Amino acid sequence: LARLQRGRAKTIITFRKKWETLLKAKGDRDARDALRSEEQFNLEEWDEEIDQLTTGFLREQARKLIVPLPSIDDENLWFESKMFGFRLLTREGVKVVRNDIRAEQKARWDYWQSRVAMLAGLIGIVGGILGMLAFFKPPYH
């Protein structure tokens, strides 16, 4: 993901330089439209690769935690990729799936945390009993 984000940032910088060069050369409207179109195409390609990676990661996390994914027919949560033809999560879909994953992780953490606290309490009680037995034990002669 970091590599893709760096690549997208480099593309933005590259096109910023191309825009500066075009504006200094006082390029005509057709040249500006062509550059704008090229920039938009390149950025959409980077964005879809990032969306594809994000969707794959969240799907795998949901599969590991047995969290159901939202219906793929929900247009608010999924969209059709223009470049690759895959169904990818929208920003809202990413929020929903990520929140579901976090809720499941928290529930699992709370479950084990309560078990560890109970075990620590039992160890404390056993330690107290052993301490009392050692204190009240008759001395050896």
Protein backbone atom coordinates (compact mmCIF):
# COMPACT_ATOMS: atom_id res chain seq x y z
CA LEU A 1 0.00 0.00 0.00
CA ALA A 2 2.81 2.40 0.88
CA ARG A 3 4.49 1.67 -2.47
CA LEU A 4 1.27 2.43 -4.33
CA GLN A 5 0.71 5.64 -2.37
CA ARG A 6 4.29 6.76 -3.11
CA GLY A 7 3.76 5.99 -6.79
CA ARG A 8 0.56 8.04 -6.82
CA ALA A 9 2.34 10.94 -5.08
CA LYS A 10 5.16 10.80 -7.65
CA THR A 11 2.58 10.88 -10.45
CA ILE A 12 1.05 14.02 -8.96
CA ILE A 13 4.48 15.66 -8.76
CA THR A 14 5.29 14.64 -12.35
CA PHE A 15 2.05 16.12 -13.66
CA ARG A 16 2.51 19.29 -11.59
CA LYS A 17 5.84 19.80 -13.40
CA LYS A 18 4.22 19.07 -16.77
CA TRP A 19 1.51 21.64 -15.99
CA GLU A 20 4.10 24.26 -15.08
CA THR A 21 5.98 23.59 -18.31
CA LEU A 22 2.78 23.74 -20.36
CA LEU A 23 1.66 26.99 -18.73
CA LYS A 24 5.09 28.60 -19.28
CA ALA A 25 4.96 27.56 -22.93
CA LYS A 26 1.41 28.95 -23.09
CA GLY A 27 0.04 25.70 -24.46
CA ASP A 28 -3.25 25.74 -26.29
CA ARG A 29 -6.56 24.35 -25.03
CA ASP A 30 -6.10 20.99 -26.77
CA ALA A 31 -2.74 20.45 -25.07
CA ARG A 32 -4.25 21.31 -21.66
CA ASP A 33 -7.19 18.96 -22.24
CA ALA A 34 -4.86 16.16 -23.32
CA LEU A 35 -2.66 16.65 -20.25
CA ARG A 36 -5.70 16.79 -17.95
CA SER A 37 -7.04 13.59 -19.49
CA GLU A 38 -3.68 11.83 -19.16
CA GLU A 39 -3.35 12.95 -15.54
CA GLN A 40 -6.86 11.79 -14.67
CA PHE A 41 -6.29 8.40 -16.32
CA ASN A 42 -3.02 7.83 -14.45
CA LEU A 43 -4.46 8.87 -11.08
CA GLU A 44 -7.55 6.68 -11.58
CA GLU A 45 -5.27 3.75 -12.33
CA TRP A 46 -3.32 4.32 -9.09
CA ASP A 47 -6.55 4.80 -7.11
CA GLU A 48 -8.05 1.58 -8.41
CA GLU A 49 -4.91 -0.38 -7.57
CA ILE A 50 -5.04 1.06 -4.05
CA ASP A 51 -8.77 0.26 -3.81
CA GLN A 52 -8.13 -3.28 -5.05
CA LEU A 53 -5.41 -3.84 -2.45
CA THR A 54 -7.56 -2.34 0.33
CA THR A 55 -10.58 -4.44 -0.63
CA GLY A 56 -8.49 -7.62 -0.78
CA PHE A 57 -6.93 -6.93 2.61
CA LEU A 58 -10.29 -6.24 4.28
CA ARG A 59 -11.87 -9.31 2.67
CA GLU A 60 -9.05 -11.48 4.01
CA GLN A 61 -9.31 -9.97 7.49
CA ALA A 62 -13.08 -10.51 7.48
CA ARG A 63 -12.58 -14.12 6.34
CA LYS A 64 -10.06 -14.79 9.14
CA LEU A 65 -12.35 -13.33 11.80
CA ILE A 66 -15.52 -14.84 10.29
CA VAL A 67 -17.07 -11.41 9.82
CA PRO A 68 -19.74 -11.28 7.11
CA LEU A 69 -19.15 -8.88 4.24
CA PRO A 70 -21.98 -6.59 3.11
CA SER A 71 -24.04 -7.67 0.12
CA ILE A 72 -22.10 -7.19 -3.11
CA ASP A 73 -25.29 -5.83 -4.69
CA ASP A 74 -25.32 -2.80 -2.36
CA GLU A 75 -24.29 0.10 -4.62
CA ASN A 76 -23.48 2.30 -1.60
CA LEU A 77 -20.82 -0.13 -0.40
CA TRP A 78 -19.46 -1.64 -3.64
CA PHE A 79 -18.59 -0.28 -7.10
CA GLU A 80 -17.48 -1.79 -10.38
CA SER A 81 -13.83 -1.09 -11.24
CA LYS A 82 -13.49 0.71 -14.58
CA MET A 83 -9.94 -0.49 -15.18
CA PHE A 84 -10.03 -4.06 -13.95
CA GLY A 85 -13.74 -4.98 -13.81
CA PHE A 86 -13.65 -6.11 -10.16
CA ARG A 87 -16.17 -5.24 -7.47
CA LEU A 88 -14.38 -3.00 -4.97
CA LEU A 89 -15.44 -1.42 -1.70
CA THR A 90 -16.42 2.24 -1.75
CA ARG A 91 -15.16 4.53 1.00
CA GLU A 92 -18.39 3.89 2.89
CA GLY A 93 -17.95 0.15 2.35
CA VAL A 94 -14.42 0.30 3.73
CA LYS A 95 -15.76 2.07 6.84
CA VAL A 96 -18.49 -0.53 7.36
CA VAL A 97 -16.20 -3.54 6.94
CA ARG A 98 -13.41 -1.99 9.01
CA ASN A 99 -15.84 -1.18 11.84
CA ASP A 100 -17.21 -4.74 11.77
CA ILE A 101 -13.67 -6.15 11.92
CA ARG A 102 -12.74 -3.86 14.80
CA ALA A 103 -15.90 -4.82 16.71
CA GLU A 104 -15.06 -8.51 16.30
CA GLN A 105 -11.44 -7.96 17.37
CA LYS A 106 -12.62 -6.02 20.43
CA ALA A 107 -15.10 -8.76 21.34
CA ARG A 108 -12.37 -11.39 21.09
CA TRP A 109 -9.98 -9.25 23.13
CA ASP A 110 -12.61 -8.65 25.82
CA TYR A 111 -13.33 -12.39 25.99
CA TRP A 112 -9.69 -13.32 26.58
CA GLN A 113 -9.07 -10.35 28.85
CA SER A 114 -11.90 -11.46 31.14
CA ARG A 115 -10.50 -15.01 31.21
CA VAL A 116 -7.01 -13.77 32.09
CA ALA A 117 -8.43 -11.52 34.84
CA MET A 118 -10.37 -14.47 36.26
CA LEU A 119 -7.25 -16.66 36.14
CA ALA A 120 -5.22 -13.95 37.89
CA GLY A 121 -7.88 -13.79 40.60
CA LEU A 122 -7.74 -17.56 41.08
CA ILE A 123 -3.95 -17.49 41.29
CA GLY A 124 -4.23 -14.76 43.92
CA ILE A 125 -6.68 -16.82 45.99
CA VAL A 126 -4.51 -19.96 45.75
CA GLY A 127 -1.46 -17.89 46.71
CA GLY A 128 -3.32 -16.50 49.72
CA ILE A 129 -4.39 -19.96 50.86
CA LEU A 130 -0.85 -21.30 50.53
CA GLY A 131 0.47 -18.30 52.44
CA MET A 132 -2.01 -18.91 55.26
CA LEU A 133 -1.08 -22.59 55.38
CA ALA A 134 2.60 -21.71 55.56
CA PHE A 135 1.96 -19.18 58.33
CA PHE A 136 -0.17 -21.47 60.50
CA LYS A 137 1.92 -24.58 59.93
CA PRO A 138 3.27 -25.98 63.25
CA PRO A 139 7.04 -25.73 63.65
CA TYR A 140 9.10 -28.88 63.30
CA HIS A 141 10.94 -30.13 66.41
